[in-house]
Amino acid sequence: MIRFIIFALICSQLLLAQDPTPEQNEEWKKGGKATLLFNQSAFSEWASGGQNSVSLSFHTDYDLSYKKNGWNWDTKFLGDFGLTKLSGTKFLRKTNDRFDLQSFLGKKFSKEWSYSTVFAIKTQFARGYTFGKDDEGNETRNLRTHFFSPVYVQLGVGLYWKKSKNLWVNVAPFTQRLTLVSRKFTMDLAEGKEYFGVRKGDNHRFELGASVNAFYKFSPLENITLEQRLGLYSDYLDKAKNVDLDYQVSAEMRVNEYITTNLIMQFVYDDNAVQRLQVREVFGVGVRMDLK
């Protein structure tokens, strides 16, 4: 959480410190939002049972774009971090943890199509644990991940179709993906086991394949905004038919200028991490602040 706040403050100060000329104002566009969500549940003598809990989640979405002489550079940063405390448990638990940076550089050859290069980094901000109980019934936790372990670095070339800032698709038939991890997680692996696709004693995994990224944002009703993000990846070198999926749909319902209700649902399939569909859902009422 501290790392993310420091990162966000530094970025915002760098951006706000710029004093662009009128020409730059026409070429550069930037803006985004930050949302703080709060959830609480409490029970007292509740017949059907229940567990008291308190959770806090922070979300930021920032865009930076440049356009001149047929060149387009679109960069988006998504950051999420959340914690929850359940009554009767010893440890705090994460509800959100996401660092997602994507950057597209394109050179137009028609009104809506460009040759493109895509660069992306995905990781997390804080340590992740698996929880359990010992023989005496005490709660335990074991370190599973931490900052930049794993981190996914992706670089690809292809074609970029952009109808508007709210609707675009990028297809990159030549995309390399590098997965980096700490050797502390791979040194003691059992033979034949892997850590996010990385073999025993190694600290990286190289993949070469194809990727598809798409984005669509619209408002079905006044004060309601829906966003959909799709990411697909197929590795030519290993199980090409086994496509990695990252799909997220988010709905924002604005009560007023500052109060908002958010629903985020994310579906991930990556058999190097977990060989089943991963589902994440976040819902809460929070305070929104526009970033410029």
Protein backbone atom coordinates (compact mmCIF):
# COMPACT_ATOMS: atom_id res chain seq x y z
CA MET A 1 0.00 0.00 0.00
CA ILE A 2 2.80 2.44 0.95
CA ARG A 3 4.68 1.65 -2.26
CA PHE A 4 1.63 2.39 -4.34
CA ILE A 5 0.83 5.69 -2.61
CA ILE A 6 4.43 6.87 -3.04
CA PHE A 7 4.39 5.81 -6.70
CA ALA A 8 1.09 7.60 -7.36
CA LEU A 9 2.25 10.79 -5.64
CA ILE A 10 5.51 10.90 -7.57
CA CYS A 11 3.74 10.36 -10.89
CA SER A 12 1.12 13.00 -10.16
CA GLN A 13 3.77 15.55 -9.16
CA LEU A 14 5.79 14.92 -12.30
CA LEU A 15 2.73 15.35 -14.47
CA LEU A 16 1.45 18.44 -12.67
CA ALA A 17 4.89 20.01 -12.70
CA GLN A 18 4.91 20.20 -16.50
CA ASP A 19 4.24 23.58 -18.02
CA PRO A 20 3.25 22.69 -21.57
CA THR A 21 3.09 25.20 -24.39
CA PRO A 22 -0.17 25.67 -26.34
CA GLU A 23 1.21 23.36 -29.04
CA GLN A 24 1.87 20.65 -26.47
CA ASN A 25 -1.65 20.99 -25.12
CA GLU A 26 -2.93 19.94 -28.54
CA GLU A 27 -0.61 16.91 -28.68
CA TRP A 28 -0.68 15.61 -25.11
CA LYS A 29 -3.74 14.42 -23.21
CA LYS A 30 -3.74 13.07 -19.70
CA GLY A 31 -6.24 12.29 -16.99
CA GLY A 32 -7.72 9.60 -14.81
CA LYS A 33 -9.42 8.84 -11.54
CA ALA A 34 -8.68 7.49 -8.08
CA THR A 35 -11.33 5.75 -5.97
CA LEU A 36 -11.30 4.72 -2.33
CA LEU A 37 -13.85 1.99 -1.55
CA PHE A 38 -15.06 0.92 1.89
CA ASN A 39 -17.02 -2.17 2.92
CA GLN A 40 -18.22 -3.34 6.33
CA SER A 41 -20.43 -6.15 7.63
CA ALA A 42 -21.42 -6.65 11.25
CA PHE A 43 -23.59 -9.27 13.00
CA SER A 44 -24.91 -9.61 16.52
CA GLU A 45 -26.91 -12.66 17.59
CA TRP A 46 -27.78 -13.17 13.92
CA ALA A 47 -29.77 -16.40 13.62
CA SER A 48 -28.37 -17.47 10.26
CA GLY A 49 -24.81 -16.66 11.28
CA GLY A 50 -22.22 -14.33 9.82
CA GLN A 51 -18.70 -13.03 10.23
CA ASN A 52 -17.85 -9.40 10.97
CA SER A 53 -15.46 -7.85 8.48
CA VAL A 54 -13.99 -4.52 7.43
CA SER A 55 -12.27 -3.90 4.09
CA LEU A 56 -10.66 -0.94 2.38
CA SER A 57 -9.69 -0.82 -1.29
CA PHE A 58 -7.92 1.76 -3.46
CA HIS A 59 -8.19 1.91 -7.25
CA THR A 60 -6.52 4.23 -9.75
CA ASP A 61 -6.93 4.47 -13.52
CA TYR A 62 -4.70 6.92 -15.41
CA ASP A 63 -4.24 7.62 -19.15
CA LEU A 64 -1.47 9.46 -20.95
CA SER A 65 -1.58 9.91 -24.74
CA TYR A 66 0.35 11.73 -27.45
CA LYS A 67 -0.72 12.36 -31.04
CA LYS A 68 1.22 14.08 -33.84
CA ASN A 69 1.89 13.56 -37.56
CA GLY A 70 0.17 10.18 -37.67
CA TRP A 71 1.91 8.89 -34.54
CA ASN A 72 -0.13 7.75 -31.54
CA TRP A 73 1.23 6.83 -28.14
CA ASP A 74 -1.38 5.61 -25.64
CA THR A 75 -0.38 4.57 -22.13
CA LYS A 76 -2.69 3.32 -19.40
CA PHE A 77 -1.90 2.51 -15.79
CA LEU A 78 -4.23 0.48 -13.55
CA GLY A 79 -3.48 0.08 -9.87
CA ASP A 80 -5.51 -1.74 -7.21
CA PHE A 81 -4.79 -2.53 -3.60
CA GLY A 82 -7.16 -3.66 -0.86
CA LEU A 83 -7.10 -5.28 2.57
CA THR A 84 -9.75 -6.92 4.70
CA LYS A 85 -9.92 -7.92 8.37
CA LEU A 86 -12.20 -10.78 9.35
CA SER A 87 -13.23 -11.20 12.95
CA GLY A 88 -11.58 -14.15 14.65
CA THR A 89 -8.61 -14.25 12.25
CA LYS A 90 -5.02 -13.41 13.05
CA PHE A 91 -3.85 -11.89 9.77
CA LEU A 92 -4.99 -9.19 7.39
CA ARG A 93 -5.83 -10.52 3.95
CA LYS A 94 -5.56 -8.93 0.54
CA THR A 95 -8.68 -8.36 -1.51
CA ASN A 96 -6.95 -6.52 -4.36
CA ASP A 97 -3.37 -6.21 -5.58
CA ARG A 98 -2.67 -5.16 -9.13
CA PHE A 99 0.00 -3.20 -11.00
CA ASP A 100 -0.84 -3.07 -14.71
CA LEU A 101 0.93 -0.77 -17.17
CA GLN A 102 0.23 -0.96 -20.93
CA SER A 103 1.70 1.27 -23.62
CA PHE A 104 0.87 1.29 -27.35
CA LEU A 105 2.93 3.12 -29.97
CA GLY A 106 1.37 3.32 -33.42
CA LYS A 107 1.98 4.89 -36.83
CA LYS A 108 -1.19 5.40 -38.87
CA PHE A 109 -1.56 4.05 -42.39
CA SER A 110 -5.32 4.72 -42.60
CA LYS A 111 -7.96 6.62 -40.64
CA GLU A 112 -8.39 3.95 -37.96
CA TRP A 113 -5.49 1.51 -38.48
CA SER A 114 -1.88 1.79 -37.33
CA TYR A 115 1.25 -0.32 -37.24
CA SER A 116 1.86 -0.86 -33.55
CA THR A 117 4.30 -1.81 -30.84
CA VAL A 118 2.89 -2.82 -27.46
CA PHE A 119 4.77 -2.89 -24.17
CA ALA A 120 3.24 -4.11 -20.90
CA ILE A 121 4.23 -4.83 -17.32
CA LYS A 122 2.02 -6.71 -14.85
CA THR A 123 2.88 -7.47 -11.24
CA GLN A 124 1.69 -6.71 -7.69
CA PHE A 125 2.53 -4.26 -4.90
CA ALA A 126 2.73 -6.41 -1.78
CA ARG A 127 3.38 -9.92 -0.54
CA GLY A 128 0.82 -12.64 -1.10
CA TYR A 129 0.23 -15.57 1.24
CA THR A 130 -1.55 -18.90 1.32
CA PHE A 131 -3.43 -19.44 4.58
CA GLY A 132 -4.09 -22.58 6.54
CA LYS A 133 -4.04 -24.10 10.03
CA ASP A 134 -1.45 -26.13 11.91
CA ASP A 135 -2.06 -29.38 13.81
CA GLU A 136 -3.27 -27.41 16.83
CA GLY A 137 -5.79 -25.40 14.83
CA ASN A 138 -3.79 -22.17 14.84
CA GLU A 139 -3.94 -19.98 11.75
CA THR A 140 -0.81 -20.03 9.59
CA ARG A 141 0.36 -18.30 6.47
CA ASN A 142 3.06 -19.09 3.93
CA LEU A 143 4.67 -16.62 1.55
CA ARG A 144 3.51 -17.26 -2.02
CA THR A 145 4.39 -14.07 -3.98
CA HIS A 146 5.87 -10.62 -3.48
CA PHE A 147 6.57 -7.39 -5.38
CA PHE A 148 8.00 -8.26 -8.85
CA SER A 149 7.75 -12.00 -8.20
CA PRO A 150 6.17 -12.79 -10.48
CA VAL A 151 6.37 -9.92 -12.97
CA TYR A 152 5.24 -10.30 -16.58
CA VAL A 153 7.00 -8.18 -19.22
CA GLN A 154 5.46 -8.23 -22.68
CA LEU A 155 6.66 -6.70 -25.98
CA GLY A 156 4.96 -7.23 -29.32
CA VAL A 157 4.43 -5.81 -32.80
CA GLY A 158 1.29 -5.86 -34.89
CA LEU A 159 -1.73 -3.77 -35.89
CA TYR A 160 -3.71 -1.26 -33.81
CA TRP A 161 -7.34 -0.40 -34.65
CA LYS A 162 -8.65 2.64 -32.79
CA LYS A 163 -12.17 3.90 -33.39
CA SER A 164 -11.91 6.31 -30.46
CA LYS A 165 -10.32 6.49 -27.03
CA ASN A 166 -13.26 4.36 -25.81
CA LEU A 167 -13.00 1.60 -28.41
CA TRP A 168 -9.82 -0.04 -29.70
CA VAL A 169 -8.25 -3.41 -30.49
CA ASN A 170 -4.57 -4.33 -30.80
CA VAL A 171 -3.45 -7.58 -32.48
CA ALA A 172 0.22 -8.52 -32.12
CA PRO A 173 1.07 -11.82 -33.88
CA PHE A 174 4.69 -11.58 -32.71
CA THR A 175 4.78 -11.04 -28.96
CA GLN A 176 7.44 -12.09 -26.47
CA ARG A 177 6.53 -12.49 -22.83
CA LEU A 178 9.09 -12.80 -20.07
CA THR A 179 8.07 -14.04 -16.62
CA LEU A 180 10.54 -13.09 -13.87
CA VAL A 181 10.48 -14.55 -10.35
CA SER A 182 12.70 -14.71 -7.30
CA ARG A 183 14.83 -17.85 -7.03
CA LYS A 184 13.79 -18.13 -3.37
CA PHE A 185 10.51 -19.57 -4.66
CA THR A 186 12.07 -22.03 -7.13
CA MET A 187 15.12 -23.40 -5.32
CA ASP A 188 13.15 -25.91 -3.24
CA LEU A 189 10.59 -26.97 -5.82
CA ALA A 190 9.95 -30.67 -6.18
CA GLU A 191 11.10 -32.28 -9.40
CA GLY A 192 8.66 -31.62 -12.21
CA LYS A 193 6.96 -28.75 -10.36
CA GLU A 194 6.91 -25.15 -11.58
CA TYR A 195 6.36 -21.74 -10.03
CA PHE A 196 4.24 -19.62 -12.43
CA GLY A 197 5.72 -21.66 -15.26
CA VAL A 198 9.34 -21.22 -14.07
CA ARG A 199 11.29 -24.42 -13.47
CA LYS A 200 13.28 -25.43 -10.41
CA GLY A 201 16.31 -23.20 -9.78
CA ASP A 202 15.47 -20.75 -12.59
CA ASN A 203 14.29 -17.16 -12.28
CA HIS A 204 12.62 -16.62 -15.66
CA ARG A 205 10.46 -18.12 -18.37
CA PHE A 206 10.56 -16.94 -22.00
CA GLU A 207 7.55 -17.21 -24.28
CA LEU A 208 6.99 -16.23 -27.91
CA GLY A 209 3.46 -16.04 -29.19
CA ALA A 210 0.52 -13.86 -30.21
CA SER A 211 -1.52 -11.41 -28.16
CA VAL A 212 -4.83 -9.59 -28.50
CA ASN A 213 -5.85 -6.62 -26.35
CA ALA A 214 -9.17 -4.80 -26.57
CA PHE A 215 -11.01 -2.03 -24.70
CA TYR A 216 -14.60 -0.80 -24.82
CA LYS A 217 -16.20 1.89 -22.66
CA PHE A 218 -19.75 3.21 -22.86
CA SER A 219 -22.61 4.66 -20.80
CA PRO A 220 -25.84 2.62 -21.02
CA LEU A 221 -27.62 5.07 -18.68
CA GLU A 222 -26.95 8.50 -17.26
CA ASN A 223 -24.32 8.43 -14.47
CA ILE A 224 -23.46 4.77 -15.24
CA THR A 225 -20.26 3.82 -17.05
CA LEU A 226 -19.28 0.33 -18.16
CA GLU A 227 -15.74 -0.68 -19.13
CA GLN A 228 -14.55 -3.95 -20.63
CA ARG A 229 -10.92 -4.99 -21.04
CA LEU A 230 -9.78 -8.16 -22.75
CA GLY A 231 -6.32 -9.68 -22.95
CA LEU A 232 -5.47 -12.94 -24.76
CA TYR A 233 -2.10 -14.64 -25.19
CA SER A 234 -1.03 -17.84 -26.93
CA ASP A 235 2.51 -19.23 -26.65
CA TYR A 236 3.78 -20.68 -29.94
CA LEU A 237 6.55 -22.56 -28.12
CA ASP A 238 4.39 -24.46 -25.61
CA LYS A 239 0.70 -25.47 -25.74
CA ALA A 240 -0.32 -22.93 -28.38
CA LYS A 241 -3.99 -23.98 -28.11
CA ASN A 242 -3.98 -23.19 -24.40
CA VAL A 243 -4.85 -19.47 -24.52
CA ASP A 244 -4.28 -17.27 -21.47
CA LEU A 245 -7.29 -15.07 -20.67
CA ASP A 246 -7.61 -11.82 -18.72
CA TYR A 247 -11.08 -10.28 -18.94
CA GLN A 248 -12.36 -7.51 -16.70
CA VAL A 249 -15.68 -5.70 -16.65
CA SER A 250 -16.26 -2.75 -14.34
CA ALA A 251 -19.32 -0.64 -13.66
CA GLU A 252 -19.25 2.78 -12.05
CA MET A 253 -22.47 4.37 -10.81
CA ARG A 254 -21.91 7.97 -9.79
CA VAL A 255 -24.12 9.33 -7.02
CA ASN A 256 -22.64 12.82 -7.26
CA GLU A 257 -19.32 14.47 -8.07
CA TYR A 258 -17.48 12.65 -5.29
CA ILE A 259 -19.52 9.61 -4.21
CA THR A 260 -19.54 6.54 -6.45
CA THR A 261 -20.52 2.88 -6.37
CA ASN A 262 -18.18 0.46 -8.12
CA LEU A 263 -18.44 -3.14 -9.22
CA ILE A 264 -15.41 -4.92 -10.69
CA MET A 265 -15.36 -8.49 -11.95
CA GLN A 266 -12.22 -10.08 -13.37
CA PHE A 267 -11.75 -13.52 -14.93
CA VAL A 268 -8.25 -14.91 -15.42
CA TYR A 269 -7.05 -18.19 -16.85
CA ASP A 270 -3.33 -18.96 -16.89
CA ASP A 271 -2.41 -22.59 -16.33
CA ASN A 272 1.15 -21.59 -15.39
CA ALA A 273 -0.34 -19.96 -12.28
CA VAL A 274 -3.50 -21.93 -11.47
CA GLN A 275 -4.99 -24.59 -13.71
CA ARG A 276 -8.54 -23.36 -13.36
CA LEU A 277 -10.50 -20.15 -13.91
CA GLN A 278 -9.69 -17.42 -11.39
CA VAL A 279 -12.51 -15.03 -10.49
CA ARG A 280 -12.25 -11.74 -8.61
CA GLU A 281 -15.17 -9.54 -7.57
CA VAL A 282 -15.03 -6.18 -5.80
CA PHE A 283 -18.07 -4.11 -4.85
CA GLY A 284 -18.22 -1.04 -2.68
CA VAL A 285 -19.24 2.54 -2.13
CA GLY A 286 -16.45 5.05 -2.12
CA VAL A 287 -15.02 8.47 -2.75
CA ARG A 288 -13.80 9.39 -6.23
CA MET A 289 -11.21 12.00 -7.17
CA ASP A 290 -10.44 13.02 -10.75
CA LEU A 291 -6.75 13.15 -11.68
CA LYS A 292 -5.51 15.65 -14.25
